[in-house]
């Protein structure tokens, strides 16, 4: 009898993972702070629903290509209608726009508020104070493509420097500590606007675009393959931009994105339940 019970217990352990797993979901994202926060929270919620979730940090071009080929199921990192317009145009027949994750998104060039200029058109006159450079992020970002166009359209003598989101904020922190002049490629929502007193430079030519939306995009066929997951992404949105900024701030203050995602699930169960409802 004991041997039979032991055998049954072993069999139960073997079949339990299969019973608990509804399927696998792959989410691609660009390693921006807002995207990291959204992706980690979505992963935690989907895992709570019983799915295995794989997240893939990639460049913007690779993210859109993977969506178009169906190699990934979704992204919560699509900036539309401007920043990712070229990427979306190439795959629009192979993907589906299902939700606005948050509105009020913006791209621009930012300076500390103590810098006494207010427009991109004023940069050339003070180029030496900025070290003749504009601090950028990763070269594949849509913001960098628009920034390259801005340098050309405004006839700027400053050079656009490539880097990453992390190197950009590190340079910003160092400059502010020493009260130096600096101009960086920036976007909202971003934790840096809560940490420091910054302002966007006016863009009278509108090269960097106006207000944007951060959207959830899924591959075609997801609804047929994983209808519950399709519903989740269709429902996924932050209650407000401030809610997203809050999670981003948690990630800066301490704890991993995964730990802070679990914190969000515990503290905002009604929001999470709204994503899961049909």
C-alpha atoms as a PDB file:
ATOM      1  CA  UNK A   1       0.000   0.000   0.000  1.00  0.00           C
ATOM      2  CA  UNK A   2       2.803   2.413   0.899  1.00  0.00           C
ATOM      3  CA  UNK A   3       4.510   1.591  -2.390  1.00  0.00           C
ATOM      4  CA  UNK A   4       1.293   2.342  -4.297  1.00  0.00           C
ATOM      5  CA  UNK A   5       0.829   5.675  -2.510  1.00  0.00           C
ATOM      6  CA  UNK A   6       4.431   6.628  -3.236  1.00  0.00           C
ATOM      7  CA  UNK A   7       3.956   5.801  -6.916  1.00  0.00           C
ATOM      8  CA  UNK A   8       0.798   7.925  -7.064  1.00  0.00           C
ATOM      9  CA  UNK A   9       2.579  10.828  -5.389  1.00  0.00           C
ATOM     10  CA  UNK A  10       5.402  10.671  -7.928  1.00  0.00           C
ATOM     11  CA  UNK A  11       2.933  10.570 -10.809  1.00  0.00           C
ATOM     12  CA  UNK A  12       1.091  13.567  -9.369  1.00  0.00           C
ATOM     13  CA  UNK A  13       4.313  15.563  -9.216  1.00  0.00           C
ATOM     14  CA  UNK A  14       5.076  14.671 -12.819  1.00  0.00           C
ATOM     15  CA  UNK A  15       1.722  15.737 -14.190  1.00  0.00           C
ATOM     16  CA  UNK A  16       1.223  18.803 -11.985  1.00  0.00           C
ATOM     17  CA  UNK A  17       3.402  21.198 -14.050  1.00  0.00           C
ATOM     18  CA  UNK A  18       1.565  20.237 -17.242  1.00  0.00           C
ATOM     19  CA  UNK A  19      -1.780  20.766 -15.504  1.00  0.00           C
ATOM     20  CA  UNK A  20      -0.686  24.167 -14.181  1.00  0.00           C
ATOM     21  CA  UNK A  21       0.666  25.430 -17.485  1.00  0.00           C
ATOM     22  CA  UNK A  22      -1.777  26.859 -19.987  1.00  0.00           C
ATOM     23  CA  UNK A  23       0.865  27.628 -22.597  1.00  0.00           C
ATOM     24  CA  UNK A  24       3.880  29.795 -23.317  1.00  0.00           C
ATOM     25  CA  UNK A  25       3.800  33.526 -24.028  1.00  0.00           C
ATOM     26  CA  UNK A  26       6.723  35.483 -25.470  1.00  0.00           C
ATOM     27  CA  UNK A  27       6.897  39.256 -24.949  1.00  0.00           C
ATOM     28  CA  UNK A  28       9.503  41.442 -26.655  1.00  0.00           C
ATOM     29  CA  UNK A  29      10.428  44.876 -25.373  1.00  0.00           C
ATOM     30  CA  UNK A  30      12.973  47.658 -25.754  1.00  0.00           C
ATOM     31  CA  UNK A  31      14.936  48.198 -22.552  1.00  0.00           C
ATOM     32  CA  UNK A  32      13.433  51.564 -21.753  1.00  0.00           C
ATOM     33  CA  UNK A  33      12.407  52.027 -18.129  1.00  0.00           C
ATOM     34  CA  UNK A  34       8.723  52.345 -19.008  1.00  0.00           C
ATOM     35  CA  UNK A  35       8.847  49.205 -21.153  1.00  0.00           C
ATOM     36  CA  UNK A  36      10.710  47.242 -18.489  1.00  0.00           C
ATOM     37  CA  UNK A  37       8.072  48.168 -15.904  1.00  0.00           C
ATOM     38  CA  UNK A  38       5.093  47.292 -18.116  1.00  0.00           C
ATOM     39  CA  UNK A  39       6.624  44.037 -19.315  1.00  0.00           C
ATOM     40  CA  UNK A  40       7.555  42.815 -15.829  1.00  0.00           C
ATOM     41  CA  UNK A  41       4.068  43.515 -14.471  1.00  0.00           C
ATOM     42  CA  UNK A  42       2.410  41.813 -17.456  1.00  0.00           C
ATOM     43  CA  UNK A  43       4.695  38.811 -17.023  1.00  0.00           C
ATOM     44  CA  UNK A  44       3.813  38.491 -13.344  1.00  0.00           C
ATOM     45  CA  UNK A  45       0.084  38.714 -14.078  1.00  0.00           C
ATOM     46  CA  UNK A  46       0.212  36.146 -16.889  1.00  0.00           C
ATOM     47  CA  UNK A  47       2.232  33.766 -14.723  1.00  0.00           C
ATOM     48  CA  UNK A  48      -0.405  34.153 -12.017  1.00  0.00           C
ATOM     49  CA  UNK A  49      -2.940  33.077 -14.663  1.00  0.00           C
ATOM     50  CA  UNK A  50      -0.940  29.898 -15.282  1.00  0.00           C
ATOM     51  CA  UNK A  51       1.206  30.734 -18.312  1.00  0.00           C
ATOM     52  CA  UNK A  52       4.926  30.361 -18.829  1.00  0.00           C
ATOM     53  CA  UNK A  53       6.211  33.779 -19.906  1.00  0.00           C
ATOM     54  CA  UNK A  54       9.469  34.546 -21.679  1.00  0.00           C
ATOM     55  CA  UNK A  55      10.542  38.177 -22.017  1.00  0.00           C
ATOM     56  CA  UNK A  56      13.054  39.239 -24.644  1.00  0.00           C
ATOM     57  CA  UNK A  57      14.887  42.593 -24.390  1.00  0.00           C
ATOM     58  CA  UNK A  58      15.818  43.639 -27.937  1.00  0.00           C
ATOM     59  CA  UNK A  59      16.354  46.689 -30.129  1.00  0.00           C
ATOM     60  CA  UNK A  60      13.245  48.334 -31.564  1.00  0.00           C
ATOM     61  CA  UNK A  61      13.858  47.037 -35.099  1.00  0.00           C
ATOM     62  CA  UNK A  62      14.279  43.461 -33.871  1.00  0.00           C
ATOM     63  CA  UNK A  63      11.162  43.740 -31.710  1.00  0.00           C
ATOM     64  CA  UNK A  64       8.959  44.730 -34.628  1.00  0.00           C
ATOM     65  CA  UNK A  65      10.534  42.143 -36.925  1.00  0.00           C
ATOM     66  CA  UNK A  66       9.858  39.384 -34.382  1.00  0.00           C
ATOM     67  CA  UNK A  67       6.231  40.485 -34.103  1.00  0.00           C
ATOM     68  CA  UNK A  68       5.873  40.476 -37.865  1.00  0.00           C
ATOM     69  CA  UNK A  69       7.255  36.960 -38.211  1.00  0.00           C
ATOM     70  CA  UNK A  70       5.263  35.675 -35.247  1.00  0.00           C
ATOM     71  CA  UNK A  71       8.389  34.752 -33.296  1.00  0.00           C
ATOM     72  CA  UNK A  72       6.983  36.673 -30.324  1.00  0.00           C
ATOM     73  CA  UNK A  73       3.388  37.073 -29.241  1.00  0.00           C
ATOM     74  CA  UNK A  74       3.257  40.672 -28.089  1.00  0.00           C
ATOM     75  CA  UNK A  75       4.929  43.874 -27.052  1.00  0.00           C
ATOM     76  CA  UNK A  76       3.810  46.619 -24.694  1.00  0.00           C
ATOM     77  CA  UNK A  77       6.407  49.032 -26.071  1.00  0.00           C
ATOM     78  CA  UNK A  78       4.936  50.414 -29.309  1.00  0.00           C
ATOM     79  CA  UNK A  79       5.211  54.203 -29.511  1.00  0.00           C
ATOM     80  CA  UNK A  80       2.691  55.456 -32.064  1.00  0.00           C
ATOM     81  CA  UNK A  81       1.838  57.288 -34.238  1.00  0.00           C
ATOM     82  CA  UNK A  82       5.337  58.774 -34.780  1.00  0.00           C
ATOM     83  CA  UNK A  83       8.293  57.118 -33.040  1.00  0.00           C
ATOM     84  CA  UNK A  84       7.733  53.581 -34.347  1.00  0.00           C
ATOM     85  CA  UNK A  85       5.804  54.590 -37.473  1.00  0.00           C
ATOM     86  CA  UNK A  86       8.361  53.184 -39.922  1.00  0.00           C
ATOM     87  CA  UNK A  87       8.597  49.870 -38.075  1.00  0.00           C
ATOM     88  CA  UNK A  88       4.826  49.512 -37.861  1.00  0.00           C
ATOM     89  CA  UNK A  89       4.332  50.290 -41.549  1.00  0.00           C
ATOM     90  CA  UNK A  90       6.479  47.306 -42.509  1.00  0.00           C
ATOM     91  CA  UNK A  91       4.457  44.777 -40.490  1.00  0.00           C
ATOM     92  CA  UNK A  92       1.006  46.318 -40.096  1.00  0.00           C
ATOM     93  CA  UNK A  93      -0.677  43.497 -42.035  1.00  0.00           C
ATOM     94  CA  UNK A  94       0.891  40.908 -39.710  1.00  0.00           C
ATOM     95  CA  UNK A  95       0.142  42.456 -36.314  1.00  0.00           C
ATOM     96  CA  UNK A  96      -2.833  43.777 -34.368  1.00  0.00           C
ATOM     97  CA  UNK A  97      -3.089  46.956 -32.278  1.00  0.00           C
ATOM     98  CA  UNK A  98      -5.123  45.882 -29.249  1.00  0.00           C
ATOM     99  CA  UNK A  99      -4.717  48.421 -26.435  1.00  0.00           C
ATOM    100  CA  UNK A 100      -3.385  51.832 -25.437  1.00  0.00           C
ATOM    101  CA  UNK A 101      -1.125  51.030 -22.486  1.00  0.00           C
ATOM    102  CA  UNK A 102      -0.864  54.716 -21.564  1.00  0.00           C
ATOM    103  CA  UNK A 103      -1.420  58.062 -23.203  1.00  0.00           C
ATOM    104  CA  UNK A 104       0.402  61.334 -22.749  1.00  0.00           C
ATOM    105  CA  UNK A 105       3.705  59.965 -24.005  1.00  0.00           C
ATOM    106  CA  UNK A 106       6.189  62.473 -25.390  1.00  0.00           C
ATOM    107  CA  UNK A 107       9.596  62.610 -27.032  1.00  0.00           C
ATOM    108  CA  UNK A 108      11.918  65.575 -26.891  1.00  0.00           C
ATOM    109  CA  UNK A 109      15.235  67.032 -25.869  1.00  0.00           C
ATOM    110  CA  UNK A 110      15.513  67.927 -22.202  1.00  0.00           C
ATOM    111  CA  UNK A 111      17.771  70.202 -20.181  1.00  0.00           C
ATOM    112  CA  UNK A 112      17.979  70.948 -16.455  1.00  0.00           C
ATOM    113  CA  UNK A 113      15.664  73.830 -15.542  1.00  0.00           C
ATOM    114  CA  UNK A 114      18.648  75.974 -14.505  1.00  0.00           C
ATOM    115  CA  UNK A 115      19.776  76.097 -18.159  1.00  0.00           C
ATOM    116  CA  UNK A 116      18.396  79.462 -19.384  1.00  0.00           C
ATOM    117  CA  UNK A 117      17.323  78.474 -22.887  1.00  0.00           C
ATOM    118  CA  UNK A 118      13.911  77.209 -23.965  1.00  0.00           C
ATOM    119  CA  UNK A 119      14.140  76.129 -27.594  1.00  0.00           C
ATOM    120  CA  UNK A 120      16.157  73.841 -29.851  1.00  0.00           C
ATOM    121  CA  UNK A 121      16.738  76.896 -32.021  1.00  0.00           C
ATOM    122  CA  UNK A 122      18.904  78.390 -29.243  1.00  0.00           C
ATOM    123  CA  UNK A 123      21.349  75.484 -29.041  1.00  0.00           C
ATOM    124  CA  UNK A 124      23.858  76.679 -31.640  1.00  0.00           C
ATOM    125  CA  UNK A 125      24.370  79.968 -29.828  1.00  0.00           C
ATOM    126  CA  UNK A 126      25.442  78.076 -26.694  1.00  0.00           C
ATOM    127  CA  UNK A 127      27.001  74.962 -28.252  1.00  0.00           C
ATOM    128  CA  UNK A 128      30.280  75.315 -26.341  1.00  0.00           C
ATOM    129  CA  UNK A 129      28.473  75.290 -22.983  1.00  0.00           C
ATOM    130  CA  UNK A 130      26.949  71.926 -23.929  1.00  0.00           C
ATOM    131  CA  UNK A 131      30.348  70.561 -24.920  1.00  0.00           C
ATOM    132  CA  UNK A 132      29.091  70.601 -28.526  1.00  0.00           C
ATOM    133  CA  UNK A 133      27.152  67.365 -27.957  1.00  0.00           C
ATOM    134  CA  UNK A 134      23.626  66.094 -27.467  1.00  0.00           C
ATOM    135  CA  UNK A 135      23.548  62.991 -25.255  1.00  0.00           C
ATOM    136  CA  UNK A 136      21.548  60.268 -26.998  1.00  0.00           C
ATOM    137  CA  UNK A 137      20.481  56.685 -26.368  1.00  0.00           C
ATOM    138  CA  UNK A 138      20.809  53.425 -28.341  1.00  0.00           C
ATOM    139  CA  UNK A 139      21.246  53.950 -32.095  1.00  0.00           C
ATOM    140  CA  UNK A 140      18.310  51.746 -33.085  1.00  0.00           C
ATOM    141  CA  UNK A 141      15.747  53.803 -31.156  1.00  0.00           C
ATOM    142  CA  UNK A 142      13.084  55.751 -33.026  1.00  0.00           C
ATOM    143  CA  UNK A 143      13.962  58.762 -30.860  1.00  0.00           C
ATOM    144  CA  UNK A 144      17.489  58.725 -32.262  1.00  0.00           C
ATOM    145  CA  UNK A 145      16.242  58.673 -35.852  1.00  0.00           C
ATOM    146  CA  UNK A 146      14.043  61.672 -35.140  1.00  0.00           C
ATOM    147  CA  UNK A 147      16.910  63.379 -33.319  1.00  0.00           C
ATOM    148  CA  UNK A 148      19.201  62.906 -36.316  1.00  0.00           C
ATOM    149  CA  UNK A 149      16.545  64.579 -38.435  1.00  0.00           C
ATOM    150  CA  UNK A 150      16.260  67.417 -35.911  1.00  0.00           C
ATOM    151  CA  UNK A 151      20.021  68.037 -36.036  1.00  0.00           C
ATOM    152  CA  UNK A 152      19.750  68.354 -39.807  1.00  0.00           C
ATOM    153  CA  UNK A 153      16.536  70.385 -39.960  1.00  0.00           C
ATOM    154  CA  UNK A 154      17.716  72.905 -37.356  1.00  0.00           C
ATOM    155  CA  UNK A 155      21.237  73.090 -38.860  1.00  0.00           C
ATOM    156  CA  UNK A 156      22.827  72.297 -35.500  1.00  0.00           C
ATOM    157  CA  UNK A 157      26.575  72.287 -34.963  1.00  0.00           C
ATOM    158  CA  UNK A 158      26.238  69.953 -31.966  1.00  0.00           C
ATOM    159  CA  UNK A 159      26.951  66.255 -32.470  1.00  0.00           C
ATOM    160  CA  UNK A 160      24.379  63.624 -31.499  1.00  0.00           C
ATOM    161  CA  UNK A 161      26.176  61.044 -29.350  1.00  0.00           C
ATOM    162  CA  UNK A 162      24.956  57.433 -29.270  1.00  0.00           C
ATOM    163  CA  UNK A 163      24.717  55.540 -26.003  1.00  0.00           C
ATOM    164  CA  UNK A 164      21.928  53.942 -23.984  1.00  0.00           C
ATOM    165  CA  UNK A 165      19.206  54.982 -21.608  1.00  0.00           C
ATOM    166  CA  UNK A 166      21.492  54.176 -18.681  1.00  0.00           C
ATOM    167  CA  UNK A 167      24.461  56.160 -19.987  1.00  0.00           C
ATOM    168  CA  UNK A 168      22.167  59.094 -20.786  1.00  0.00           C
ATOM    169  CA  UNK A 169      20.771  59.285 -17.236  1.00  0.00           C
ATOM    170  CA  UNK A 170      24.249  58.785 -15.755  1.00  0.00           C
ATOM    171  CA  UNK A 171      25.562  61.739 -17.771  1.00  0.00           C
ATOM    172  CA  UNK A 172      22.532  63.777 -16.707  1.00  0.00           C
ATOM    173  CA  UNK A 173      23.072  62.951 -13.034  1.00  0.00           C
ATOM    174  CA  UNK A 174      26.736  63.933 -13.221  1.00  0.00           C
ATOM    175  CA  UNK A 175      25.999  67.219 -14.995  1.00  0.00           C
ATOM    176  CA  UNK A 176      23.280  68.199 -12.514  1.00  0.00           C
ATOM    177  CA  UNK A 177      25.528  67.360  -9.578  1.00  0.00           C
ATOM    178  CA  UNK A 178      28.077  69.839 -10.941  1.00  0.00           C
ATOM    179  CA  UNK A 179      25.465  72.319 -12.256  1.00  0.00           C
ATOM    180  CA  UNK A 180      26.765  71.951 -15.789  1.00  0.00           C
ATOM    181  CA  UNK A 181      24.854  72.509 -19.000  1.00  0.00           C
ATOM    182  CA  UNK A 182      23.635  69.350 -20.725  1.00  0.00           C
ATOM    183  CA  UNK A 183      21.014  68.443 -23.314  1.00  0.00           C
ATOM    184  CA  UNK A 184      19.722  64.884 -23.580  1.00  0.00           C
ATOM    185  CA  UNK A 185      17.286  62.952 -25.730  1.00  0.00           C
ATOM    186  CA  UNK A 186      14.359  62.247 -23.429  1.00  0.00           C
ATOM    187  CA  UNK A 187      10.883  60.844 -23.244  1.00  0.00           C
ATOM    188  CA  UNK A 188       7.894  60.711 -20.933  1.00  0.00           C
ATOM    189  CA  UNK A 189       6.929  58.739 -18.965  1.00  0.00           C
ATOM    190  CA  UNK A 190      10.384  58.489 -17.389  1.00  0.00           C
ATOM    191  CA  UNK A 191      11.534  58.464 -13.778  1.00  0.00           C
ATOM    192  CA  UNK A 192      14.132  61.179 -14.429  1.00  0.00           C
ATOM    193  CA  UNK A 193      11.403  63.839 -14.576  1.00  0.00           C
ATOM    194  CA  UNK A 194      10.392  62.928 -11.034  1.00  0.00           C
ATOM    195  CA  UNK A 195      13.948  62.837  -9.733  1.00  0.00           C
ATOM    196  CA  UNK A 196      15.263  66.083 -11.266  1.00  0.00           C
ATOM    197  CA  UNK A 197      13.857  69.457 -12.266  1.00  0.00           C
ATOM    198  CA  UNK A 198      13.971  69.201 -16.048  1.00  0.00           C
ATOM    199  CA  UNK A 199      12.268  70.874 -18.986  1.00  0.00           C
ATOM    200  CA  UNK A 200      11.752  69.994 -22.621  1.00  0.00           C
ATOM    201  CA  UNK A 201      13.151  72.381 -25.199  1.00  0.00           C
ATOM    202  CA  UNK A 202      10.536  73.772 -27.569  1.00  0.00           C
ATOM    203  CA  UNK A 203      10.537  72.111 -30.981  1.00  0.00           C
ATOM    204  CA  UNK A 204       8.928  74.765 -33.234  1.00  0.00           C
ATOM    205  CA  UNK A 205       9.471  72.674 -36.381  1.00  0.00           C
ATOM    206  CA  UNK A 206       7.724  69.699 -34.789  1.00  0.00           C
ATOM    207  CA  UNK A 207      10.460  67.293 -35.864  1.00  0.00           C
ATOM    208  CA  UNK A 208      10.271  65.227 -32.673  1.00  0.00           C
ATOM    209  CA  UNK A 209       6.497  64.873 -32.879  1.00  0.00           C
ATOM    210  CA  UNK A 210       3.664  65.637 -30.493  1.00  0.00           C
ATOM    211  CA  UNK A 211       1.856  63.582 -27.905  1.00  0.00           C
ATOM    212  CA  UNK A 212       2.064  59.845 -28.486  1.00  0.00           C
ATOM    213  CA  UNK A 213       0.496  56.675 -27.199  1.00  0.00           C
ATOM    214  CA  UNK A 214       2.284  53.601 -25.887  1.00  0.00           C
ATOM    215  CA  UNK A 215       0.353  50.647 -27.291  1.00  0.00           C
ATOM    216  CA  UNK A 216       0.100  46.894 -26.919  1.00  0.00           C
ATOM    217  CA  UNK A 217       0.667  45.101 -30.216  1.00  0.00           C
ATOM    218  CA  UNK A 218       0.150  41.363 -30.759  1.00  0.00           C
ATOM    219  CA  UNK A 219       0.886  39.017 -33.620  1.00  0.00           C
ATOM    220  CA  UNK A 220      -1.892  37.981 -35.951  1.00  0.00           C
ATOM    221  CA  UNK A 221      -3.273  34.606 -34.894  1.00  0.00           C
ATOM    222  CA  UNK A 222      -2.836  35.110 -31.167  1.00  0.00           C
ATOM    223  CA  UNK A 223      -6.590  35.300 -30.603  1.00  0.00           C
ATOM    224  CA  UNK A 224      -7.092  31.886 -32.198  1.00  0.00           C
ATOM    225  CA  UNK A 225      -4.086  30.301 -30.489  1.00  0.00           C
ATOM    226  CA  UNK A 226      -4.380  31.793 -26.985  1.00  0.00           C
ATOM    227  CA  UNK A 227      -7.706  33.626 -26.665  1.00  0.00           C
ATOM    228  CA  UNK A 228      -7.309  34.318 -22.940  1.00  0.00           C
ATOM    229  CA  UNK A 229      -3.887  35.876 -23.552  1.00  0.00           C
ATOM    230  CA  UNK A 230      -5.314  37.978 -26.395  1.00  0.00           C
ATOM    231  CA  UNK A 231      -7.994  39.248 -24.008  1.00  0.00           C
ATOM    232  CA  UNK A 232      -5.350  40.068 -21.405  1.00  0.00           C
ATOM    233  CA  UNK A 233      -3.311  42.208 -23.790  1.00  0.00           C
ATOM    234  CA  UNK A 234      -6.490  43.849 -25.092  1.00  0.00           C
ATOM    235  CA  UNK A 235      -7.345  44.872 -21.530  1.00  0.00           C
ATOM    236  CA  UNK A 236      -3.820  45.798 -20.436  1.00  0.00           C
ATOM    237  CA  UNK A 237      -3.497  49.490 -19.627  1.00  0.00           C
ATOM    238  CA  UNK A 238      -2.360  51.586 -16.704  1.00  0.00           C
ATOM    239  CA  UNK A 239      -5.023  53.468 -14.765  1.00  0.00           C
ATOM    240  CA  UNK A 240      -3.002  56.639 -15.403  1.00  0.00           C
ATOM    241  CA  UNK A 241       0.509  57.658 -16.524  1.00  0.00           C
ATOM    242  CA  UNK A 242       1.255  58.306 -12.839  1.00  0.00           C
ATOM    243  CA  UNK A 243       0.669  54.628 -12.051  1.00  0.00           C
ATOM    244  CA  UNK A 244       3.340  53.631 -14.560  1.00  0.00           C
ATOM    245  CA  UNK A 245       5.685  56.333 -13.247  1.00  0.00           C
ATOM    246  CA  UNK A 246       5.170  54.884  -9.756  1.00  0.00           C
ATOM    247  CA  UNK A 247       6.340  51.404 -10.779  1.00  0.00           C
ATOM    248  CA  UNK A 248       9.294  52.937 -12.630  1.00  0.00           C
ATOM    249  CA  UNK A 249      10.216  54.815  -9.461  1.00  0.00           C
ATOM    250  CA  UNK A 250      10.020  51.586  -7.443  1.00  0.00           C
ATOM    251  CA  UNK A 251      12.514  50.034  -9.864  1.00  0.00           C
ATOM    252  CA  UNK A 252      14.920  52.921  -9.307  1.00  0.00           C
ATOM    253  CA  UNK A 253      14.551  52.944  -5.540  1.00  0.00           C
ATOM    254  CA  UNK A 254      15.387  49.287  -5.052  1.00  0.00           C
ATOM    255  CA  UNK A 255      14.282  45.761  -5.775  1.00  0.00           C
ATOM    256  CA  UNK A 256      14.217  44.080  -9.141  1.00  0.00           C
ATOM    257  CA  UNK A 257      11.508  44.748 -11.747  1.00  0.00           C
ATOM    258  CA  UNK A 258      10.221  41.237 -11.032  1.00  0.00           C
ATOM    259  CA  UNK A 259       9.952  41.917  -7.285  1.00  0.00           C
ATOM    260  CA  UNK A 260       8.235  45.245  -7.870  1.00  0.00           C
ATOM    261  CA  UNK A 261       5.843  43.622 -10.327  1.00  0.00           C
ATOM    262  CA  UNK A 262       4.745  41.242  -7.566  1.00  0.00           C
ATOM    263  CA  UNK A 263       4.332  44.242  -5.283  1.00  0.00           C
ATOM    264  CA  UNK A 264       2.042  45.873  -7.835  1.00  0.00           C
ATOM    265  CA  UNK A 265      -0.081  42.739  -8.132  1.00  0.00           C
ATOM    266  CA  UNK A 266      -0.548  42.711  -4.350  1.00  0.00           C
ATOM    267  CA  UNK A 267      -1.258  46.436  -3.956  1.00  0.00           C
ATOM    268  CA  UNK A 268      -3.494  46.942  -7.022  1.00  0.00           C
ATOM    269  CA  UNK A 269      -5.533  43.742  -7.375  1.00  0.00           C
ATOM    270  CA  UNK A 270      -8.519  45.523  -8.967  1.00  0.00           C
ATOM    271  CA  UNK A 271      -6.373  46.883 -11.810  1.00  0.00           C
ATOM    272  CA  UNK A 272      -4.861  43.450 -12.410  1.00  0.00           C
ATOM    273  CA  UNK A 273      -8.255  41.745 -12.310  1.00  0.00           C
ATOM    274  CA  UNK A 274      -9.466  44.169 -14.973  1.00  0.00           C
ATOM    275  CA  UNK A 275      -6.744  42.935 -17.312  1.00  0.00           C
ATOM    276  CA  UNK A 276      -7.813  39.330 -16.813  1.00  0.00           C
ATOM    277  CA  UNK A 277     -11.578  39.787 -17.232  1.00  0.00           C
ATOM    278  CA  UNK A 278     -13.223  38.768 -20.499  1.00  0.00           C
END
